[in-house]
């Protein structure tokens, strides 16, 4: 009789203990701080939700892009919380851009002038606003600090800063 009462009690305690265990997912690259991800395989990065296309008109608070698919994407440069979107390179109508927006596609997160960037680099990808260089030794994810007509400045996760100037 005692055995019939102990077995259900042990089973019940086991169920509670197993139910209390919590699986902790590892963070995705996009969830990591900007300078945490360093050298990664491109196929392991999360899908990029950005638009590529040609810049249309610019306003003081708006950015318009005609995407490669023919859609017109108009976003505000400032989020409701006051966060300013970042534009790397000159805002030039007609230039080609990479445009990363908030998930609702209403607000600019990052815009990169690809017309300017292509003057400095030829072998790269951009994933979720991060520049992925592909030198002979393997991919290196870097953060752009500045991009203009005179120079491209970026740094890697270790803080090594690189400045490229046009000849």
N, C-alpha and C. Protein backbone atom coordinates (compact mmCIF):
# COMPACT_ATOMS: atom_id res chain seq x y z
N UNK A 1 0.81 -1.18 0.00
CA UNK A 1 0.00 0.00 0.00
C UNK A 1 0.87 1.26 0.00
N UNK A 2 1.95 1.24 0.73
CA UNK A 2 2.86 2.37 0.78
C UNK A 2 3.50 2.59 -0.59
N UNK A 3 3.80 1.50 -1.32
CA UNK A 3 4.40 1.61 -2.65
C UNK A 3 3.46 2.30 -3.62
N UNK A 4 2.18 2.06 -3.52
CA UNK A 4 1.23 2.67 -4.44
C UNK A 4 1.08 4.17 -4.19
N UNK A 5 1.40 4.66 -3.01
CA UNK A 5 1.34 6.10 -2.71
C UNK A 5 2.64 6.81 -3.05
N UNK A 6 3.76 6.13 -2.94
CA UNK A 6 5.06 6.74 -3.21
C UNK A 6 5.29 6.93 -4.71
N UNK A 7 4.91 5.97 -5.51
CA UNK A 7 5.15 6.06 -6.95
C UNK A 7 4.47 7.29 -7.57
N UNK A 8 3.18 7.52 -7.33
CA UNK A 8 2.56 8.73 -7.89
C UNK A 8 3.21 10.01 -7.36
N UNK A 9 3.65 10.01 -6.11
CA UNK A 9 4.32 11.18 -5.55
C UNK A 9 5.64 11.44 -6.26
N UNK A 10 6.42 10.40 -6.50
CA UNK A 10 7.70 10.54 -7.22
C UNK A 10 7.45 11.02 -8.64
N UNK A 11 6.45 10.47 -9.30
CA UNK A 11 6.12 10.88 -10.67
C UNK A 11 5.72 12.34 -10.71
N UNK A 12 4.93 12.78 -9.76
CA UNK A 12 4.47 14.16 -9.70
C UNK A 12 5.64 15.13 -9.46
N UNK A 13 6.52 14.79 -8.54
CA UNK A 13 7.70 15.62 -8.27
C UNK A 13 8.58 15.68 -9.51
N UNK A 14 8.76 14.56 -10.20
CA UNK A 14 9.57 14.53 -11.42
C UNK A 14 9.00 15.44 -12.49
N UNK A 15 7.69 15.43 -12.65
CA UNK A 15 7.04 16.28 -13.65
C UNK A 15 7.27 17.75 -13.31
N UNK A 16 7.13 18.12 -12.04
CA UNK A 16 7.36 19.51 -11.64
C UNK A 16 8.82 19.92 -11.86
N UNK A 17 9.74 19.04 -11.55
CA UNK A 17 11.16 19.36 -11.73
C UNK A 17 11.50 19.53 -13.20
N UNK A 18 11.01 18.64 -14.05
CA UNK A 18 11.28 18.75 -15.48
C UNK A 18 10.60 19.97 -16.08
N UNK A 19 9.43 20.29 -15.60
CA UNK A 19 8.71 21.47 -16.09
C UNK A 19 9.38 22.77 -15.68
N UNK A 20 10.12 22.73 -14.60
CA UNK A 20 10.78 23.95 -14.11
C UNK A 20 12.05 24.25 -14.88
N UNK A 21 12.58 23.26 -15.60
CA UNK A 21 13.79 23.50 -16.38
C UNK A 21 13.44 24.44 -17.53
N UNK A 22 14.31 25.39 -17.77
CA UNK A 22 14.06 26.39 -18.80
C UNK A 22 15.17 26.32 -19.83
N UNK A 23 14.76 26.22 -21.09
CA UNK A 23 15.74 26.22 -22.17
C UNK A 23 16.07 27.67 -22.51
N UNK A 24 17.35 28.01 -22.49
CA UNK A 24 17.77 29.36 -22.83
C UNK A 24 18.36 29.34 -24.22
N UNK A 25 17.71 30.05 -25.13
CA UNK A 25 18.17 30.10 -26.51
C UNK A 25 19.42 30.97 -26.60
N UNK A 26 20.31 30.63 -27.52
CA UNK A 26 21.47 31.46 -27.74
C UNK A 26 21.04 32.66 -28.56
N UNK A 27 21.60 33.83 -28.30
CA UNK A 27 21.16 35.02 -29.01
C UNK A 27 21.54 34.96 -30.48
N UNK A 28 20.68 35.52 -31.32
CA UNK A 28 20.98 35.64 -32.75
C UNK A 28 21.99 36.75 -32.94
N UNK A 29 22.66 36.77 -34.08
CA UNK A 29 23.67 37.80 -34.36
C UNK A 29 23.04 39.18 -34.27
N UNK A 30 21.79 39.33 -34.76
CA UNK A 30 21.16 40.64 -34.72
C UNK A 30 20.83 41.09 -33.31
N UNK A 31 20.77 40.15 -32.34
CA UNK A 31 20.49 40.50 -30.96
C UNK A 31 21.74 40.85 -30.18
N UNK A 32 22.90 40.61 -30.74
CA UNK A 32 24.15 40.90 -30.05
C UNK A 32 24.48 42.37 -30.19
N UNK A 33 25.24 42.93 -29.29
CA UNK A 33 25.69 44.30 -29.45
C UNK A 33 26.47 44.43 -30.75
N UNK A 34 26.46 45.62 -31.33
CA UNK A 34 27.01 45.84 -32.66
C UNK A 34 28.44 45.33 -32.83
N UNK A 35 29.28 45.44 -31.82
CA UNK A 35 30.67 45.06 -31.99
C UNK A 35 30.99 43.66 -31.47
N UNK A 36 29.99 42.85 -31.18
CA UNK A 36 30.21 41.51 -30.66
C UNK A 36 30.50 40.53 -31.78
N UNK A 37 29.71 40.61 -32.85
CA UNK A 37 29.90 39.69 -33.97
C UNK A 37 31.16 40.10 -34.71
N UNK A 38 32.03 39.14 -35.00
CA UNK A 38 33.27 39.47 -35.68
C UNK A 38 33.34 38.70 -36.98
N UNK A 39 34.01 37.59 -36.98
CA UNK A 39 34.18 36.82 -38.18
C UNK A 39 33.14 35.71 -38.17
N UNK A 40 32.25 35.77 -39.16
CA UNK A 40 31.17 34.80 -39.24
C UNK A 40 30.99 34.34 -40.67
N UNK A 41 30.44 33.16 -40.83
CA UNK A 41 30.10 32.67 -42.15
C UNK A 41 28.84 33.39 -42.60
N UNK A 42 28.80 33.84 -43.84
CA UNK A 42 27.67 34.60 -44.33
C UNK A 42 26.37 33.81 -44.25
N UNK A 43 26.43 32.50 -44.47
CA UNK A 43 25.20 31.72 -44.46
C UNK A 43 24.66 31.49 -43.05
N UNK A 44 25.40 31.89 -42.02
CA UNK A 44 24.90 31.74 -40.65
C UNK A 44 24.27 33.02 -40.14
N UNK A 45 24.38 34.12 -40.89
CA UNK A 45 23.80 35.38 -40.46
C UNK A 45 22.29 35.37 -40.68
N UNK A 46 21.54 36.12 -39.87
CA UNK A 46 20.09 36.18 -40.05
C UNK A 46 19.75 36.85 -41.38
N UNK A 47 18.58 36.56 -41.88
CA UNK A 47 18.14 37.16 -43.14
C UNK A 47 18.08 38.68 -43.01
N UNK A 48 18.55 39.35 -44.04
CA UNK A 48 18.56 40.80 -44.05
C UNK A 48 17.20 41.29 -44.54
N UNK A 49 16.61 42.24 -43.87
CA UNK A 49 15.30 42.74 -44.23
C UNK A 49 15.38 44.11 -44.90
N UNK A 50 16.49 44.40 -45.51
CA UNK A 50 16.73 45.72 -46.09
C UNK A 50 16.22 45.82 -47.52
N UNK A 51 16.15 47.05 -47.99
CA UNK A 51 15.78 47.36 -49.37
C UNK A 51 17.02 47.85 -50.09
N UNK A 52 17.11 47.53 -51.36
CA UNK A 52 18.16 48.06 -52.22
C UNK A 52 17.47 48.82 -53.34
N UNK A 53 18.05 49.95 -53.71
CA UNK A 53 17.44 50.70 -54.80
C UNK A 53 18.07 52.05 -54.97
N UNK A 54 17.37 52.89 -55.73
CA UNK A 54 17.86 54.21 -56.08
C UNK A 54 17.11 55.25 -55.25
N UNK A 55 17.87 56.20 -54.73
CA UNK A 55 17.26 57.24 -53.90
C UNK A 55 16.38 58.14 -54.73
N UNK A 56 15.22 58.46 -54.17
CA UNK A 56 14.33 59.44 -54.77
C UNK A 56 14.56 60.78 -54.12
N UNK A 57 13.48 61.46 -53.81
CA UNK A 57 13.59 62.77 -53.16
C UNK A 57 13.88 62.61 -51.67
N UNK A 58 14.58 63.61 -51.14
CA UNK A 58 14.87 63.65 -49.72
C UNK A 58 14.17 64.86 -49.13
N UNK A 59 13.71 64.72 -47.93
CA UNK A 59 13.16 65.84 -47.19
C UNK A 59 13.97 65.99 -45.91
N UNK A 60 13.63 66.99 -45.13
CA UNK A 60 14.33 67.19 -43.86
C UNK A 60 14.07 66.03 -42.91
N UNK A 61 12.91 65.38 -43.06
CA UNK A 61 12.57 64.31 -42.15
C UNK A 61 12.20 63.00 -42.85
N UNK A 62 12.40 62.94 -44.16
CA UNK A 62 12.02 61.74 -44.90
C UNK A 62 13.14 61.26 -45.81
N UNK A 63 13.04 60.00 -46.19
CA UNK A 63 13.98 59.37 -47.12
C UNK A 63 13.13 58.52 -48.05
N UNK A 64 13.27 58.71 -49.36
CA UNK A 64 12.49 57.95 -50.34
C UNK A 64 13.43 57.12 -51.19
N UNK A 65 13.08 55.84 -51.34
CA UNK A 65 13.87 54.91 -52.13
C UNK A 65 12.95 54.21 -53.12
N UNK A 66 13.38 54.13 -54.37
CA UNK A 66 12.67 53.31 -55.35
C UNK A 66 13.43 52.00 -55.39
N UNK A 67 12.81 50.96 -54.83
CA UNK A 67 13.50 49.68 -54.66
C UNK A 67 13.77 49.00 -56.00
N UNK A 68 14.65 48.02 -55.98
CA UNK A 68 14.97 47.25 -57.18
C UNK A 68 13.74 46.53 -57.74
N UNK A 69 12.72 46.35 -56.90
CA UNK A 69 11.49 45.68 -57.32
C UNK A 69 10.45 46.68 -57.82
N UNK A 70 10.81 47.98 -57.84
CA UNK A 70 9.91 49.00 -58.35
C UNK A 70 8.99 49.63 -57.32
N UNK A 71 9.10 49.20 -56.07
CA UNK A 71 8.27 49.77 -55.01
C UNK A 71 8.88 51.09 -54.53
N UNK A 72 8.03 52.01 -54.14
CA UNK A 72 8.50 53.25 -53.53
C UNK A 72 8.42 53.09 -52.03
N UNK A 73 9.57 53.23 -51.38
CA UNK A 73 9.65 53.09 -49.92
C UNK A 73 9.94 54.48 -49.36
N UNK A 74 8.99 55.01 -48.60
CA UNK A 74 9.18 56.32 -47.96
C UNK A 74 9.18 56.12 -46.46
N UNK A 75 10.26 56.55 -45.82
CA UNK A 75 10.41 56.38 -44.38
C UNK A 75 10.74 57.72 -43.74
N UNK A 76 10.44 57.81 -42.44
CA UNK A 76 10.85 58.99 -41.69
C UNK A 76 12.27 58.75 -41.19
N UNK A 77 13.00 59.81 -40.98
CA UNK A 77 14.38 59.70 -40.51
C UNK A 77 14.48 59.58 -39.00
N UNK A 78 13.40 59.94 -38.28
CA UNK A 78 13.41 59.92 -36.82
C UNK A 78 12.27 59.04 -36.32
N UNK A 79 12.61 58.13 -35.41
CA UNK A 79 11.61 57.23 -34.82
C UNK A 79 10.76 58.00 -33.81
N UNK A 80 9.64 57.41 -33.42
CA UNK A 80 8.75 58.03 -32.44
C UNK A 80 9.45 58.31 -31.11
N UNK A 81 10.45 57.48 -30.76
CA UNK A 81 11.17 57.68 -29.50
C UNK A 81 12.30 58.70 -29.61
N UNK A 82 12.45 59.33 -30.80
CA UNK A 82 13.48 60.35 -30.99
C UNK A 82 14.79 59.83 -31.56
N UNK A 83 14.91 58.51 -31.76
CA UNK A 83 16.12 57.93 -32.32
C UNK A 83 16.27 58.33 -33.79
N UNK A 84 17.43 58.89 -34.12
CA UNK A 84 17.69 59.31 -35.50
C UNK A 84 18.23 58.14 -36.32
N UNK A 85 17.74 58.01 -37.54
CA UNK A 85 18.32 57.05 -38.47
C UNK A 85 19.68 57.53 -38.92
N UNK A 86 20.55 56.61 -39.28
CA UNK A 86 21.91 56.96 -39.68
C UNK A 86 22.04 56.82 -41.18
N UNK A 87 22.59 57.86 -41.82
CA UNK A 87 22.86 57.82 -43.25
C UNK A 87 24.36 57.90 -43.43
N UNK A 88 24.94 56.85 -44.01
CA UNK A 88 26.36 56.83 -44.30
C UNK A 88 26.55 57.25 -45.76
N UNK A 89 27.31 58.32 -45.95
CA UNK A 89 27.52 58.86 -47.28
C UNK A 89 26.57 60.01 -47.53
N UNK A 90 26.77 60.67 -48.65
CA UNK A 90 25.93 61.81 -49.00
C UNK A 90 24.53 61.36 -49.37
N UNK A 91 23.55 62.18 -49.05
CA UNK A 91 22.17 61.92 -49.46
C UNK A 91 21.98 62.54 -50.84
N UNK A 92 22.15 61.73 -51.86
CA UNK A 92 22.09 62.19 -53.24
C UNK A 92 20.98 61.48 -54.00
N UNK A 93 19.98 62.21 -54.49
CA UNK A 93 18.98 61.58 -55.34
C UNK A 93 19.66 60.92 -56.54
N UNK A 94 19.23 59.72 -56.87
CA UNK A 94 19.79 58.99 -58.01
C UNK A 94 20.88 58.01 -57.62
N UNK A 95 21.51 58.19 -56.45
CA UNK A 95 22.53 57.24 -56.00
C UNK A 95 21.87 55.94 -55.54
N UNK A 96 22.63 54.86 -55.61
CA UNK A 96 22.14 53.56 -55.16
C UNK A 96 22.36 53.45 -53.65
N UNK A 97 21.37 52.89 -52.92
CA UNK A 97 21.41 52.80 -51.47
C UNK A 97 21.01 51.42 -50.97
N UNK A 98 21.53 51.11 -49.81
CA UNK A 98 21.07 50.01 -48.95
C UNK A 98 20.24 50.71 -47.89
N UNK A 99 19.00 50.28 -47.68
CA UNK A 99 18.11 50.94 -46.73
C UNK A 99 17.56 49.92 -45.75
N UNK A 100 17.96 50.04 -44.49
CA UNK A 100 17.46 49.19 -43.42
C UNK A 100 16.44 49.99 -42.63
N UNK A 101 15.25 49.40 -42.46
CA UNK A 101 14.17 50.09 -41.76
C UNK A 101 13.77 49.32 -40.52
N UNK A 102 12.91 49.94 -39.73
CA UNK A 102 12.30 49.24 -38.60
C UNK A 102 11.42 48.12 -39.17
N UNK A 103 11.06 47.13 -38.37
CA UNK A 103 10.25 46.02 -38.89
C UNK A 103 8.95 46.43 -39.58
N UNK A 104 8.37 47.56 -39.20
CA UNK A 104 7.13 48.00 -39.85
C UNK A 104 7.40 48.81 -41.12
N UNK A 105 8.67 48.95 -41.51
CA UNK A 105 9.10 49.68 -42.71
C UNK A 105 8.67 51.15 -42.71
N UNK A 106 8.53 51.75 -41.54
CA UNK A 106 8.09 53.14 -41.45
C UNK A 106 9.22 54.11 -41.10
N UNK A 107 10.30 53.59 -40.49
CA UNK A 107 11.35 54.48 -39.99
C UNK A 107 12.72 53.98 -40.44
N UNK A 108 13.57 54.91 -40.81
CA UNK A 108 14.93 54.62 -41.22
C UNK A 108 15.77 54.18 -40.02
N UNK A 109 16.49 53.08 -40.17
CA UNK A 109 17.48 52.66 -39.18
C UNK A 109 18.85 53.02 -39.72
N UNK A 110 19.18 52.52 -40.91
CA UNK A 110 20.48 52.78 -41.54
C UNK A 110 20.31 52.88 -43.05
N UNK A 111 20.94 53.86 -43.64
CA UNK A 111 21.03 53.96 -45.09
C UNK A 111 22.50 54.07 -45.44
N UNK A 112 22.94 53.28 -46.41
CA UNK A 112 24.35 53.31 -46.84
C UNK A 112 24.37 53.64 -48.33
N UNK A 113 25.09 54.69 -48.68
CA UNK A 113 25.22 55.10 -50.07
C UNK A 113 26.17 54.11 -50.76
N UNK A 114 25.59 53.20 -51.54
CA UNK A 114 26.39 52.17 -52.21
C UNK A 114 27.20 52.75 -53.36
N UNK A 115 26.71 53.81 -53.97
CA UNK A 115 27.47 54.46 -55.03
C UNK A 115 28.81 54.92 -54.48
N UNK A 116 28.80 55.52 -53.30
CA UNK A 116 30.05 55.95 -52.65
C UNK A 116 30.86 54.76 -52.15
N UNK A 117 30.21 53.82 -51.49
CA UNK A 117 30.91 52.67 -50.92
C UNK A 117 31.65 51.88 -51.98
N UNK A 118 31.06 51.77 -53.17
CA UNK A 118 31.70 51.02 -54.26
C UNK A 118 32.96 51.69 -54.78
N UNK A 119 33.18 52.93 -54.45
CA UNK A 119 34.44 53.59 -54.82
C UNK A 119 35.60 53.07 -53.96
N UNK A 120 35.28 52.57 -52.77
CA UNK A 120 36.29 52.11 -51.82
C UNK A 120 36.42 50.59 -51.78
N UNK A 121 35.32 49.89 -51.94
CA UNK A 121 35.31 48.43 -51.77
C UNK A 121 34.63 47.77 -52.96
N UNK A 122 35.04 46.54 -53.24
CA UNK A 122 34.36 45.79 -54.29
C UNK A 122 33.87 44.43 -53.82
N UNK A 123 34.49 43.87 -52.80
CA UNK A 123 34.15 42.53 -52.34
C UNK A 123 33.57 42.60 -50.93
N UNK A 124 32.25 42.80 -50.83
CA UNK A 124 31.60 42.95 -49.53
C UNK A 124 30.13 42.55 -49.64
N UNK A 125 29.51 42.38 -48.50
CA UNK A 125 28.07 42.23 -48.33
C UNK A 125 27.66 43.14 -47.20
N UNK A 126 26.38 43.45 -47.14
CA UNK A 126 25.85 44.20 -46.01
C UNK A 126 24.71 43.36 -45.44
N UNK A 127 24.78 43.08 -44.14
CA UNK A 127 23.75 42.28 -43.49
C UNK A 127 23.30 43.02 -42.23
N UNK A 128 22.03 43.39 -42.23
CA UNK A 128 21.44 44.10 -41.08
C UNK A 128 22.27 45.31 -40.66
N UNK A 129 22.72 46.07 -41.65
CA UNK A 129 23.44 47.31 -41.38
C UNK A 129 24.92 47.15 -41.10
N UNK A 130 25.41 45.93 -41.07
CA UNK A 130 26.83 45.67 -40.80
C UNK A 130 27.53 45.30 -42.11
N UNK A 131 28.69 45.82 -42.30
CA UNK A 131 29.49 45.57 -43.49
C UNK A 131 30.29 44.30 -43.28
N UNK A 132 30.17 43.36 -44.21
CA UNK A 132 30.90 42.10 -44.13
C UNK A 132 31.92 42.09 -45.26
N UNK A 133 33.17 42.26 -44.88
CA UNK A 133 34.26 42.27 -45.85
C UNK A 133 34.69 40.83 -46.12
N UNK A 134 35.15 40.56 -47.32
CA UNK A 134 35.59 39.20 -47.64
C UNK A 134 37.02 39.22 -48.18
N UNK A 135 37.98 39.45 -47.30
CA UNK A 135 39.37 39.37 -47.74
C UNK A 135 39.76 37.92 -47.98
N UNK A 136 40.93 37.71 -48.51
CA UNK A 136 41.40 36.35 -48.84
C UNK A 136 41.40 35.43 -47.63
N UNK A 137 41.62 35.97 -46.43
CA UNK A 137 41.72 35.13 -45.24
C UNK A 137 40.37 34.76 -44.64
N UNK A 138 39.27 35.29 -45.15
CA UNK A 138 37.95 34.96 -44.62
C UNK A 138 37.13 36.21 -44.37
N UNK A 139 35.87 36.04 -44.05
CA UNK A 139 34.96 37.17 -43.83
C UNK A 139 35.28 37.89 -42.53
N UNK A 140 35.07 39.20 -42.53
CA UNK A 140 35.25 40.01 -41.33
C UNK A 140 34.11 41.02 -41.26
N UNK A 141 33.35 41.00 -40.19
CA UNK A 141 32.24 41.92 -40.02
C UNK A 141 32.74 43.18 -39.33
N UNK A 142 32.45 44.34 -39.94
CA UNK A 142 32.94 45.61 -39.41
C UNK A 142 31.77 46.59 -39.30
N UNK A 143 32.01 47.66 -38.56
CA UNK A 143 31.03 48.72 -38.39
C UNK A 143 31.56 49.97 -39.07
N UNK A 144 30.73 50.57 -39.90
CA UNK A 144 31.12 51.80 -40.59
C UNK A 144 31.05 52.95 -39.59
N UNK A 145 32.12 53.74 -39.55
CA UNK A 145 32.14 54.94 -38.71
C UNK A 145 31.82 56.18 -39.53
N UNK A 146 32.33 56.23 -40.77
CA UNK A 146 32.11 57.39 -41.62
C UNK A 146 32.31 57.00 -43.07
N UNK A 147 31.55 57.61 -43.94
CA UNK A 147 31.66 57.40 -45.38
C UNK A 147 31.34 58.71 -46.05
N UNK A 148 32.29 59.22 -46.84
CA UNK A 148 32.03 60.44 -47.60
C UNK A 148 32.88 60.43 -48.86
N UNK A 149 32.91 61.55 -49.57
CA UNK A 149 33.65 61.66 -50.83
C UNK A 149 35.16 61.47 -50.66
N UNK A 150 35.67 61.68 -49.46
CA UNK A 150 37.11 61.65 -49.23
C UNK A 150 37.62 60.40 -48.56
N UNK A 151 36.76 59.72 -47.74
CA UNK A 151 37.26 58.57 -46.99
C UNK A 151 36.15 57.64 -46.53
N UNK A 152 36.56 56.40 -46.29
CA UNK A 152 35.73 55.39 -45.64
C UNK A 152 36.46 54.98 -44.37
N UNK A 153 35.77 55.08 -43.24
CA UNK A 153 36.37 54.69 -41.96
C UNK A 153 35.48 53.62 -41.34
N UNK A 154 36.09 52.53 -40.91
CA UNK A 154 35.34 51.48 -40.23
C UNK A 154 36.23 50.84 -39.18
N UNK A 155 35.59 50.09 -38.25
CA UNK A 155 36.35 49.38 -37.22
C UNK A 155 35.79 47.98 -37.05
N UNK A 156 36.67 47.08 -36.60
CA UNK A 156 36.23 45.70 -36.37
C UNK A 156 35.90 45.52 -34.89
N UNK A 157 35.54 44.31 -34.52
CA UNK A 157 35.11 44.03 -33.15
C UNK A 157 36.24 44.23 -32.13
N UNK A 158 37.47 44.12 -32.56
CA UNK A 158 38.61 44.32 -31.66
C UNK A 158 38.97 45.80 -31.52
N UNK A 159 38.26 46.65 -32.28
CA UNK A 159 38.53 48.09 -32.20
C UNK A 159 39.54 48.57 -33.21
N UNK A 160 40.07 47.69 -34.03
CA UNK A 160 41.04 48.11 -35.05
C UNK A 160 40.33 48.99 -36.07
N UNK A 161 40.82 50.18 -36.22
CA UNK A 161 40.22 51.18 -37.09
C UNK A 161 40.95 51.21 -38.43
N UNK A 162 40.18 51.23 -39.52
CA UNK A 162 40.76 51.30 -40.86
C UNK A 162 40.23 52.53 -41.56
N UNK A 163 41.13 53.27 -42.20
CA UNK A 163 40.76 54.46 -42.95
C UNK A 163 41.20 54.22 -44.39
N UNK A 164 40.26 54.33 -45.31
CA UNK A 164 40.60 54.21 -46.73
C UNK A 164 40.31 55.56 -47.39
N UNK A 165 41.26 56.04 -48.18
CA UNK A 165 41.08 57.30 -48.89
C UNK A 165 41.16 57.05 -50.38
N UNK A 166 40.48 57.90 -51.15
CA UNK A 166 40.55 57.78 -52.59
C UNK A 166 41.84 58.42 -53.09
N UNK A 167 42.42 57.82 -54.07
CA UNK A 167 43.67 58.36 -54.64
C UNK A 167 43.39 59.52 -55.53
